[in-house]
C-alpha atoms as a PDB file:
ATOM      1  CA  MET A   1      34.150 -35.154 -24.840  1.00  0.00           C
ATOM      2  CA  SER A   2      36.033 -38.627 -24.963  1.00  0.00           C
ATOM      3  CA  ARG A   3      38.385 -39.529 -27.620  1.00  0.00           C
ATOM      4  CA  TRP A   4      36.496 -42.731 -28.062  1.00  0.00           C
ATOM      5  CA  TYR A   5      33.597 -41.144 -28.674  1.00  0.00           C
ATOM      6  CA  LEU A   6      34.607 -37.913 -30.642  1.00  0.00           C
ATOM      7  CA  ILE A   7      36.628 -41.330 -32.664  1.00  0.00           C
ATOM      8  CA  LEU A   8      33.336 -42.784 -33.380  1.00  0.00           C
ATOM      9  CA  PHE A   9      31.488 -39.465 -34.305  1.00  0.00           C
ATOM     10  CA  LEU A  10      34.367 -38.760 -37.284  1.00  0.00           C
ATOM     11  CA  LEU A  11      33.754 -42.294 -38.560  1.00  0.00           C
ATOM     12  CA  VAL A  12      30.075 -41.542 -38.528  1.00  0.00           C
ATOM     13  CA  LEU A  13      29.931 -38.437 -40.582  1.00  0.00           C
ATOM     14  CA  HIS A  14      33.008 -39.294 -42.881  1.00  0.00           C
ATOM     15  CA  VAL A  15      32.319 -38.718 -46.436  1.00  0.00           C
ATOM     16  CA  GLY A  16      33.604 -36.693 -48.760  1.00  0.00           C
ATOM     17  CA  PRO A  17      33.214 -34.797 -52.308  1.00  0.00           C
ATOM     18  CA  ARG A  18      34.734 -36.481 -55.226  1.00  0.00           C
ATOM     19  CA  PHE A  19      38.137 -36.224 -56.861  1.00  0.00           C
ATOM     20  CA  ALA A  20      38.406 -35.214 -60.652  1.00  0.00           C
ATOM     21  CA  LEU A  21      41.134 -37.342 -61.799  1.00  0.00           C
ATOM     22  CA  GLY A  22      41.776 -39.289 -64.700  1.00  0.00           C
ATOM     23  CA  GLN A  23      40.980 -38.822 -68.698  1.00  0.00           C
ATOM     24  CA  ASN A  24      39.085 -40.877 -70.929  1.00  0.00           C
ATOM     25  CA  PRO A  25      37.066 -43.103 -68.458  1.00  0.00           C
ATOM     26  CA  PRO A  26      35.609 -46.306 -69.740  1.00  0.00           C
ATOM     27  CA  PRO A  27      31.627 -45.602 -70.757  1.00  0.00           C
ATOM     28  CA  SER A  28      29.361 -46.026 -68.235  1.00  0.00           C
ATOM     29  CA  ASP A  29      26.576 -49.018 -68.391  1.00  0.00           C
ATOM     30  CA  PRO A  30      23.801 -47.573 -70.604  1.00  0.00           C
ATOM     31  CA  GLN A  31      21.113 -49.110 -68.005  1.00  0.00           C
ATOM     32  CA  ALA A  32      22.934 -47.698 -65.162  1.00  0.00           C
ATOM     33  CA  LEU A  33      22.305 -44.278 -66.962  1.00  0.00           C
ATOM     34  CA  THR A  34      19.016 -44.826 -67.558  1.00  0.00           C
ATOM     35  CA  TYR A  35      17.906 -45.305 -64.092  1.00  0.00           C
ATOM     36  CA  ALA A  36      20.499 -43.058 -62.636  1.00  0.00           C
ATOM     37  CA  ALA A  37      18.827 -39.905 -64.898  1.00  0.00           C
ATOM     38  CA  GLN A  38      15.007 -41.166 -63.648  1.00  0.00           C
ATOM     39  CA  SER A  39      16.339 -41.537 -60.591  1.00  0.00           C
ATOM     40  CA  ILE A  40      17.573 -37.477 -60.048  1.00  0.00           C
ATOM     41  CA  ALA A  41      14.428 -36.121 -62.477  1.00  0.00           C
ATOM     42  CA  THR A  42      12.224 -37.730 -59.616  1.00  0.00           C
ATOM     43  CA  MET A  43      14.208 -36.662 -56.728  1.00  0.00           C
ATOM     44  CA  THR A  44      14.462 -33.005 -58.086  1.00  0.00           C
ATOM     45  CA  GLY A  45      11.135 -32.467 -60.629  1.00  0.00           C
ATOM     46  CA  GLY A  46      13.838 -31.792 -63.441  1.00  0.00           C
ATOM     47  CA  SER A  47      14.398 -28.264 -62.235  1.00  0.00           C
ATOM     48  CA  THR A  48      17.890 -27.517 -61.320  1.00  0.00           C
ATOM     49  CA  ILE A  49      19.058 -27.666 -57.884  1.00  0.00           C
ATOM     50  CA  SER A  50      22.336 -25.846 -57.191  1.00  0.00           C
ATOM     51  CA  ASP A  51      22.417 -26.021 -53.341  1.00  0.00           C
ATOM     52  CA  VAL A  52      19.746 -27.307 -50.329  1.00  0.00           C
ATOM     53  CA  THR A  53      19.259 -26.756 -46.673  1.00  0.00           C
ATOM     54  CA  LEU A  54      17.654 -29.436 -44.381  1.00  0.00           C
ATOM     55  CA  THR A  55      16.809 -28.927 -40.947  1.00  0.00           C
ATOM     56  CA  GLY A  56      15.093 -31.281 -38.805  1.00  0.00           C
ATOM     57  CA  ASN A  57      15.788 -33.327 -35.203  1.00  0.00           C
ATOM     58  CA  VAL A  58      18.193 -36.102 -34.653  1.00  0.00           C
ATOM     59  CA  THR A  59      18.951 -39.300 -32.561  1.00  0.00           C
ATOM     60  CA  TRP A  60      22.799 -39.536 -32.411  1.00  0.00           C
ATOM     61  CA  THR A  61      23.971 -42.818 -30.572  1.00  0.00           C
ATOM     62  CA  ALA A  62      27.726 -43.924 -29.648  1.00  0.00           C
ATOM     63  CA  GLY A  63      27.765 -46.584 -27.879  1.00  0.00           C
ATOM     64  CA  SER A  64      25.513 -46.770 -24.914  1.00  0.00           C
ATOM     65  CA  ALA A  65      25.377 -43.261 -25.004  1.00  0.00           C
ATOM     66  CA  THR A  66      22.395 -41.591 -26.593  1.00  0.00           C
ATOM     67  CA  GLU A  67      21.980 -38.017 -27.297  1.00  0.00           C
ATOM     68  CA  THR A  68      19.089 -36.297 -29.085  1.00  0.00           C
ATOM     69  CA  GLY A  69      18.707 -32.752 -30.563  1.00  0.00           C
ATOM     70  CA  THR A  70      18.565 -30.704 -33.633  1.00  0.00           C
ATOM     71  CA  ALA A  71      20.085 -30.839 -37.062  1.00  0.00           C
ATOM     72  CA  THR A  72      20.854 -28.749 -40.147  1.00  0.00           C
ATOM     73  CA  LEU A  73      22.257 -29.934 -43.289  1.00  0.00           C
ATOM     74  CA  LEU A  74      23.350 -27.462 -46.033  1.00  0.00           C
ATOM     75  CA  ALA A  75      25.000 -28.630 -49.428  1.00  0.00           C
ATOM     76  CA  LEU A  76      25.912 -26.370 -52.472  1.00  0.00           C
ATOM     77  CA  GLY A  77      26.606 -28.193 -55.364  1.00  0.00           C
ATOM     78  CA  SER A  78      28.171 -31.681 -54.999  1.00  0.00           C
ATOM     79  CA  GLY A  79      30.855 -30.852 -53.561  1.00  0.00           C
ATOM     80  CA  GLU A  80      30.223 -28.654 -50.500  1.00  0.00           C
ATOM     81  CA  SER A  81      28.375 -29.703 -47.812  1.00  0.00           C
ATOM     82  CA  ARG A  82      28.028 -29.249 -43.641  1.00  0.00           C
ATOM     83  CA  VAL A  83      26.394 -31.269 -40.815  1.00  0.00           C
ATOM     84  CA  ASN A  84      26.022 -29.185 -37.992  1.00  0.00           C
ATOM     85  CA  LEU A  85      24.568 -31.343 -34.835  1.00  0.00           C
ATOM     86  CA  VAL A  86      23.240 -29.218 -32.055  1.00  0.00           C
ATOM     87  CA  LEU A  87      23.432 -31.876 -29.284  1.00  0.00           C
ATOM     88  CA  SER A  88      23.399 -31.623 -25.442  1.00  0.00           C
ATOM     89  CA  ASP A  89      27.141 -31.250 -25.309  1.00  0.00           C
ATOM     90  CA  GLY A  90      27.412 -28.402 -27.662  1.00  0.00           C
ATOM     91  CA  THR A  91      27.505 -28.036 -31.832  1.00  0.00           C
ATOM     92  CA  HIS A  92      29.090 -31.081 -33.862  1.00  0.00           C
ATOM     93  CA  THR A  93      30.373 -29.876 -37.162  1.00  0.00           C
ATOM     94  CA  GLU A  94      31.556 -31.162 -40.681  1.00  0.00           C
ATOM     95  CA  ILE A  95      32.421 -29.577 -43.545  1.00  0.00           C
ATOM     96  CA  ARG A  96      33.488 -30.499 -46.932  1.00  0.00           C
ATOM     97  CA  ASP A  97      35.363 -28.470 -49.475  1.00  0.00           C
ATOM     98  CA  ALA A  98      36.351 -29.038 -53.040  1.00  0.00           C
ATOM     99  CA  SER A  99      35.947 -25.013 -53.843  1.00  0.00           C
ATOM    100  CA  THR A 100      40.249 -25.237 -54.074  1.00  0.00           C
ATOM    101  CA  GLY A 101      39.994 -27.630 -56.595  1.00  0.00           C
ATOM    102  CA  THR A 102      41.840 -30.598 -53.943  1.00  0.00           C
ATOM    103  CA  THR A 103      38.912 -32.316 -51.758  1.00  0.00           C
ATOM    104  CA  GLN A 104      39.140 -31.603 -47.898  1.00  0.00           C
ATOM    105  CA  GLY A 105      37.187 -32.127 -45.004  1.00  0.00           C
ATOM    106  CA  GLN A 106      37.423 -30.549 -41.382  1.00  0.00           C
ATOM    107  CA  TRP A 107      35.390 -31.803 -37.682  1.00  0.00           C
ATOM    108  CA  ILE A 108      35.025 -29.210 -35.550  1.00  0.00           C
ATOM    109  CA  ALA A 109      34.031 -30.651 -31.920  1.00  0.00           C
ATOM    110  CA  PRO A 110      32.124 -28.970 -29.090  1.00  0.00           C
ATOM    111  CA  ASP A 111      34.947 -27.346 -27.559  1.00  0.00           C
ATOM    112  CA  GLY A 112      36.330 -25.685 -30.448  1.00  0.00           C
ATOM    113  CA  SER A 113      38.732 -28.334 -31.709  1.00  0.00           C
ATOM    114  CA  SER A 114      39.100 -29.628 -34.817  1.00  0.00           C
ATOM    115  CA  GLY A 115      40.833 -31.592 -37.662  1.00  0.00           C
ATOM    116  CA  LEU A 116      41.286 -32.388 -40.764  1.00  0.00           C
ATOM    117  CA  PHE A 117      40.093 -35.704 -42.783  1.00  0.00           C
ATOM    118  CA  ALA A 118      42.159 -38.287 -44.028  1.00  0.00           C
ATOM    119  CA  ALA A 119      42.717 -38.088 -48.239  1.00  0.00           C
ATOM    120  CA  GLN A 120      40.964 -41.970 -47.892  1.00  0.00           C
ATOM    121  CA  ASN A 121      37.835 -40.891 -46.719  1.00  0.00           C
ATOM    122  CA  CYS A 122      37.191 -37.962 -48.763  1.00  0.00           C
ATOM    123  CA  TRP A 123      36.996 -39.999 -52.540  1.00  0.00           C
ATOM    124  CA  THR A 124      32.924 -40.732 -51.849  1.00  0.00           C
ATOM    125  CA  ASP A 125      29.958 -38.002 -52.089  1.00  0.00           C
ATOM    126  CA  ALA A 126      29.926 -35.239 -49.923  1.00  0.00           C
ATOM    127  CA  VAL A 127      26.312 -34.480 -49.935  1.00  0.00           C
ATOM    128  CA  TRP A 128      25.412 -37.716 -48.304  1.00  0.00           C
ATOM    129  CA  PHE A 129      22.140 -36.627 -47.278  1.00  0.00           C
ATOM    130  CA  PHE A 130      20.461 -35.747 -50.343  1.00  0.00           C
ATOM    131  CA  PRO A 131      21.786 -38.042 -53.384  1.00  0.00           C
ATOM    132  CA  ALA A 132      20.160 -35.588 -56.230  1.00  0.00           C
ATOM    133  CA  LEU A 133      23.903 -33.888 -55.497  1.00  0.00           C
ATOM    134  CA  GLY A 134      25.531 -36.944 -55.649  1.00  0.00           C
ATOM    135  CA  SER A 135      26.944 -39.560 -57.819  1.00  0.00           C
ATOM    136  CA  LEU A 136      23.879 -40.249 -59.867  1.00  0.00           C
ATOM    137  CA  THR A 137      24.420 -36.937 -61.889  1.00  0.00           C
ATOM    138  CA  VAL A 138      27.776 -39.054 -63.162  1.00  0.00           C
ATOM    139  CA  GLY A 139      30.292 -35.849 -62.742  1.00  0.00           C
ATOM    140  CA  PRO A 140      33.511 -35.626 -64.302  1.00  0.00           C
ATOM    141  CA  ASN A 141      35.417 -38.994 -64.105  1.00  0.00           C
ATOM    142  CA  ILE A 142      31.992 -40.794 -62.586  1.00  0.00           C
ATOM    143  CA  VAL A 143      31.515 -44.360 -64.145  1.00  0.00           C
ATOM    144  CA  LEU A 144      27.968 -45.921 -63.422  1.00  0.00           C
ATOM    145  CA  SER A 145      27.674 -49.826 -63.364  1.00  0.00           C
ATOM    146  CA  TYR A 146      24.386 -51.643 -63.413  1.00  0.00           C
ATOM    147  CA  ILE A 147      24.676 -54.682 -61.127  1.00  0.00           C
ATOM    148  CA  GLY A 148      20.802 -55.544 -61.216  1.00  0.00           C
ATOM    149  CA  GLN A 149      17.333 -55.969 -60.045  1.00  0.00           C
ATOM    150  CA  GLU A 150      17.531 -57.457 -56.203  1.00  0.00           C
ATOM    151  CA  THR A 151      15.276 -57.972 -53.094  1.00  0.00           C
ATOM    152  CA  ARG A 152      16.623 -55.533 -50.416  1.00  0.00           C
ATOM    153  CA  ASN A 153      14.938 -55.853 -46.982  1.00  0.00           C
ATOM    154  CA  GLY A 154      12.016 -57.077 -48.926  1.00  0.00           C
ATOM    155  CA  GLN A 155      12.003 -54.301 -51.495  1.00  0.00           C
ATOM    156  CA  SER A 156      12.904 -55.218 -55.306  1.00  0.00           C
ATOM    157  CA  VAL A 157      15.674 -52.301 -55.990  1.00  0.00           C
ATOM    158  CA  GLN A 158      17.666 -51.746 -59.455  1.00  0.00           C
ATOM    159  CA  HIS A 159      21.348 -51.381 -57.611  1.00  0.00           C
ATOM    160  CA  VAL A 160      23.722 -49.159 -59.489  1.00  0.00           C
ATOM    161  CA  GLN A 161      27.152 -48.563 -58.353  1.00  0.00           C
ATOM    162  CA  SER A 162      29.431 -45.769 -58.869  1.00  0.00           C
ATOM    163  CA  TYR A 163      33.238 -45.024 -59.245  1.00  0.00           C
ATOM    164  CA  VAL A 164      35.827 -42.534 -59.521  1.00  0.00           C
ATOM    165  CA  TYR A 165      38.242 -43.093 -62.583  1.00  0.00           C
ATOM    166  CA  GLN A 166      41.980 -42.637 -62.602  1.00  0.00           C
ATOM    167  CA  SER A 167      44.223 -43.350 -65.620  1.00  0.00           C
ATOM    168  CA  SER A 168      47.277 -43.486 -63.489  1.00  0.00           C
ATOM    169  CA  GLN A 169      48.132 -47.200 -61.794  1.00  0.00           C
ATOM    170  CA  SER A 170      47.713 -46.657 -58.183  1.00  0.00           C
ATOM    171  CA  PRO A 171      48.927 -49.257 -55.332  1.00  0.00           C
ATOM    172  CA  ALA A 172      46.186 -50.703 -53.758  1.00  0.00           C
ATOM    173  CA  PRO A 173      43.432 -49.641 -52.129  1.00  0.00           C
ATOM    174  CA  SER A 174      43.016 -47.989 -55.606  1.00  0.00           C
ATOM    175  CA  PRO A 175      40.790 -44.670 -56.086  1.00  0.00           C
ATOM    176  CA  GLN A 176      38.410 -46.998 -57.720  1.00  0.00           C
ATOM    177  CA  GLN A 177      38.283 -49.201 -54.254  1.00  0.00           C
ATOM    178  CA  LEU A 178      38.104 -45.874 -52.175  1.00  0.00           C
ATOM    179  CA  SER A 179      35.452 -43.895 -54.301  1.00  0.00           C
ATOM    180  CA  MET A 180      33.102 -47.138 -54.519  1.00  0.00           C
ATOM    181  CA  ILE A 181      29.636 -46.348 -53.634  1.00  0.00           C
ATOM    182  CA  ASP A 182      26.220 -48.671 -53.874  1.00  0.00           C
ATOM    183  CA  PHE A 183      23.036 -46.963 -55.241  1.00  0.00           C
ATOM    184  CA  TYR A 184      19.595 -48.884 -54.286  1.00  0.00           C
ATOM    185  CA  LEU A 185      16.834 -47.847 -56.246  1.00  0.00           C
ATOM    186  CA  ASP A 186      13.118 -48.488 -55.336  1.00  0.00           C
ATOM    187  CA  ALA A 187      12.185 -50.302 -58.612  1.00  0.00           C
ATOM    188  CA  THR A 188       9.004 -48.737 -59.280  1.00  0.00           C
ATOM    189  CA  THR A 189      10.108 -44.707 -58.050  1.00  0.00           C
ATOM    190  CA  LEU A 190      13.657 -45.374 -58.635  1.00  0.00           C
ATOM    191  CA  LEU A 191      14.099 -43.474 -55.452  1.00  0.00           C
ATOM    192  CA  PRO A 192      17.189 -44.129 -53.513  1.00  0.00           C
ATOM    193  CA  THR A 193      15.875 -46.340 -50.791  1.00  0.00           C
ATOM    194  CA  ALA A 194      19.618 -47.014 -49.217  1.00  0.00           C
ATOM    195  CA  VAL A 195      23.498 -46.228 -50.607  1.00  0.00           C
ATOM    196  CA  THR A 196      26.299 -48.122 -48.959  1.00  0.00           C
ATOM    197  CA  PHE A 197      30.494 -47.424 -49.130  1.00  0.00           C
ATOM    198  CA  ASN A 198      33.322 -47.819 -47.060  1.00  0.00           C
ATOM    199  CA  ALA A 199      34.837 -45.312 -44.782  1.00  0.00           C
ATOM    200  CA  HIS A 200      38.564 -46.228 -43.299  1.00  0.00           C
ATOM    201  CA  PRO A 201      40.840 -45.192 -40.242  1.00  0.00           C
ATOM    202  CA  ASP A 202      42.586 -42.349 -40.929  1.00  0.00           C
ATOM    203  CA  ASN A 203      45.778 -44.373 -40.591  1.00  0.00           C
ATOM    204  CA  ASN A 204      44.457 -47.613 -42.090  1.00  0.00           C
ATOM    205  CA  ALA A 205      43.124 -46.739 -45.722  1.00  0.00           C
ATOM    206  CA  GLY A 206      42.965 -50.568 -46.538  1.00  0.00           C
ATOM    207  CA  SER A 207      40.764 -51.189 -43.410  1.00  0.00           C
ATOM    208  CA  ASN A 208      37.236 -50.374 -44.649  1.00  0.00           C
ATOM    209  CA  ILE A 209      34.121 -49.434 -41.907  1.00  0.00           C
ATOM    210  CA  ALA A 210      30.829 -50.188 -43.582  1.00  0.00           C
ATOM    211  CA  ILE A 211      28.674 -46.866 -44.140  1.00  0.00           C
ATOM    212  CA  GLU A 212      25.038 -47.300 -44.647  1.00  0.00           C
ATOM    213  CA  ILE A 213      22.340 -44.003 -45.696  1.00  0.00           C
ATOM    214  CA  ASP A 214      18.768 -44.875 -45.560  1.00  0.00           C
ATOM    215  CA  PHE A 215      15.989 -43.011 -47.095  1.00  0.00           C
ATOM    216  CA  SER A 216      12.488 -43.401 -46.264  1.00  0.00           C
ATOM    217  CA  GLN A 217       9.254 -41.220 -46.509  1.00  0.00           C
ATOM    218  CA  TYR A 218       9.840 -39.080 -49.290  1.00  0.00           C
ATOM    219  CA  GLN A 219       7.513 -36.086 -49.456  1.00  0.00           C
ATOM    220  CA  ALA A 220       7.299 -33.445 -53.074  1.00  0.00           C
ATOM    221  CA  PHE A 221       8.461 -30.219 -52.127  1.00  0.00           C
ATOM    222  CA  ASN A 222       8.213 -27.358 -54.848  1.00  0.00           C
ATOM    223  CA  GLY A 223       8.148 -30.073 -57.603  1.00  0.00           C
ATOM    224  CA  ALA A 224      10.716 -32.462 -55.944  1.00  0.00           C
ATOM    225  CA  THR A 225      10.816 -35.184 -53.708  1.00  0.00           C
ATOM    226  CA  VAL A 226      12.757 -35.349 -50.349  1.00  0.00           C
ATOM    227  CA  PRO A 227      13.454 -38.137 -48.091  1.00  0.00           C
ATOM    228  CA  MET A 228      12.047 -36.816 -44.485  1.00  0.00           C
ATOM    229  CA  HIS A 229      13.489 -39.847 -42.309  1.00  0.00           C
ATOM    230  CA  ILE A 230      17.175 -40.362 -43.122  1.00  0.00           C
ATOM    231  CA  GLN A 231      19.601 -43.114 -40.852  1.00  0.00           C
ATOM    232  CA  LYS A 232      22.998 -43.526 -40.902  1.00  0.00           C
ATOM    233  CA  TYR A 233      24.831 -46.712 -39.945  1.00  0.00           C
ATOM    234  CA  VAL A 234      28.579 -47.662 -38.912  1.00  0.00           C
ATOM    235  CA  GLN A 235      28.770 -51.559 -39.215  1.00  0.00           C
ATOM    236  CA  GLY A 236      25.198 -52.242 -39.038  1.00  0.00           C
ATOM    237  CA  THR A 237      24.838 -50.192 -36.441  1.00  0.00           C
ATOM    238  CA  LEU A 238      22.002 -46.956 -36.365  1.00  0.00           C
ATOM    239  CA  VAL A 239      24.439 -43.684 -35.260  1.00  0.00           C
ATOM    240  CA  ILE A 240      22.471 -41.334 -36.739  1.00  0.00           C
ATOM    241  CA  ASP A 241      18.693 -40.930 -37.003  1.00  0.00           C
ATOM    242  CA  LEU A 242      17.764 -38.105 -38.568  1.00  0.00           C
ATOM    243  CA  THR A 243      13.718 -36.194 -39.187  1.00  0.00           C
ATOM    244  CA  ILE A 244      13.616 -33.327 -41.384  1.00  0.00           C
ATOM    245  CA  SER A 245      11.092 -31.257 -40.836  1.00  0.00           C
ATOM    246  CA  SER A 246      12.049 -28.087 -43.195  1.00  0.00           C
ATOM    247  CA  VAL A 247      13.760 -28.374 -46.829  1.00  0.00           C
ATOM    248  CA  ALA A 248      15.085 -25.246 -48.957  1.00  0.00           C
ATOM    249  CA  PHE A 249      16.176 -24.724 -52.297  1.00  0.00           C
ATOM    250  CA  ASN A 250      18.230 -23.013 -53.909  1.00  0.00           C
ATOM    251  CA  SER A 251      18.226 -20.028 -51.079  1.00  0.00           C
ATOM    252  CA  GLY A 252      21.675 -18.517 -52.143  1.00  0.00           C
ATOM    253  CA  LEU A 253      23.936 -20.514 -49.875  1.00  0.00           C
ATOM    254  CA  GLN A 254      27.446 -18.396 -50.135  1.00  0.00           C
ATOM    255  CA  LEU A 255      30.806 -20.843 -50.663  1.00  0.00           C
ATOM    256  CA  SER A 256      32.017 -18.790 -47.309  1.00  0.00           C
ATOM    257  CA  THR A 257      29.895 -21.226 -45.234  1.00  0.00           C
ATOM    258  CA  PHE A 258      31.596 -24.434 -46.659  1.00  0.00           C
ATOM    259  CA  THR A 259      35.538 -22.371 -45.538  1.00  0.00           C
ATOM    260  CA  ILE A 260      37.538 -25.092 -44.317  1.00  0.00           C
ATOM    261  CA  ASN A 261      40.535 -23.554 -42.108  1.00  0.00           C
END
């Protein structure tokens, strides 16, 4: 696998769990909290989801190269995730692990080589493919803001923004900047239609790489509502196109599945 291909693969999957830093964060916007709670309730059906497994088909595009294969996306809580893409050249894996109290991320290439992600790419949600286990749940030190009702791609949406609060002063880019996520919720159902945030080169936290995740074709599974079509864009270019065929909740995923070596 060429170096540029690997770099693009890492940028595509570069999202990680949140840090829990700071004390006494400012209050979230009440309207943002209301929309977030309604969105979570719709996605989960009011049930507690401790883990999720999504499987399906994937189309992967890197430059002029396009591959198809299968995908398995696993999540345990909000801090643990594992993405396995089985493509023609082998299995590409991304792991996020927050169990030690320090967020970590690791990529594993088909040839067995691996590496850790830079800290600046571990501030946004680990479970990027299932927003019900993300920042809309308002975990520790997460602050939500209501931006307003907007029209996005011809659809009316409620725009909610999240970030991680840190009480100590930090040089730019701050944790607030690195952790910011924008959620676009369908104005009628409040299901997420898109999530946007920035990733960053490993050697430059101040340089932004625009990431967009689009969710569509929601279907009901055991009372929950799941997006069966998930698309990931990097700088406006579609690079991962997932069609989900199977969903499992609370299957007893083990923490060892997400261990970083």
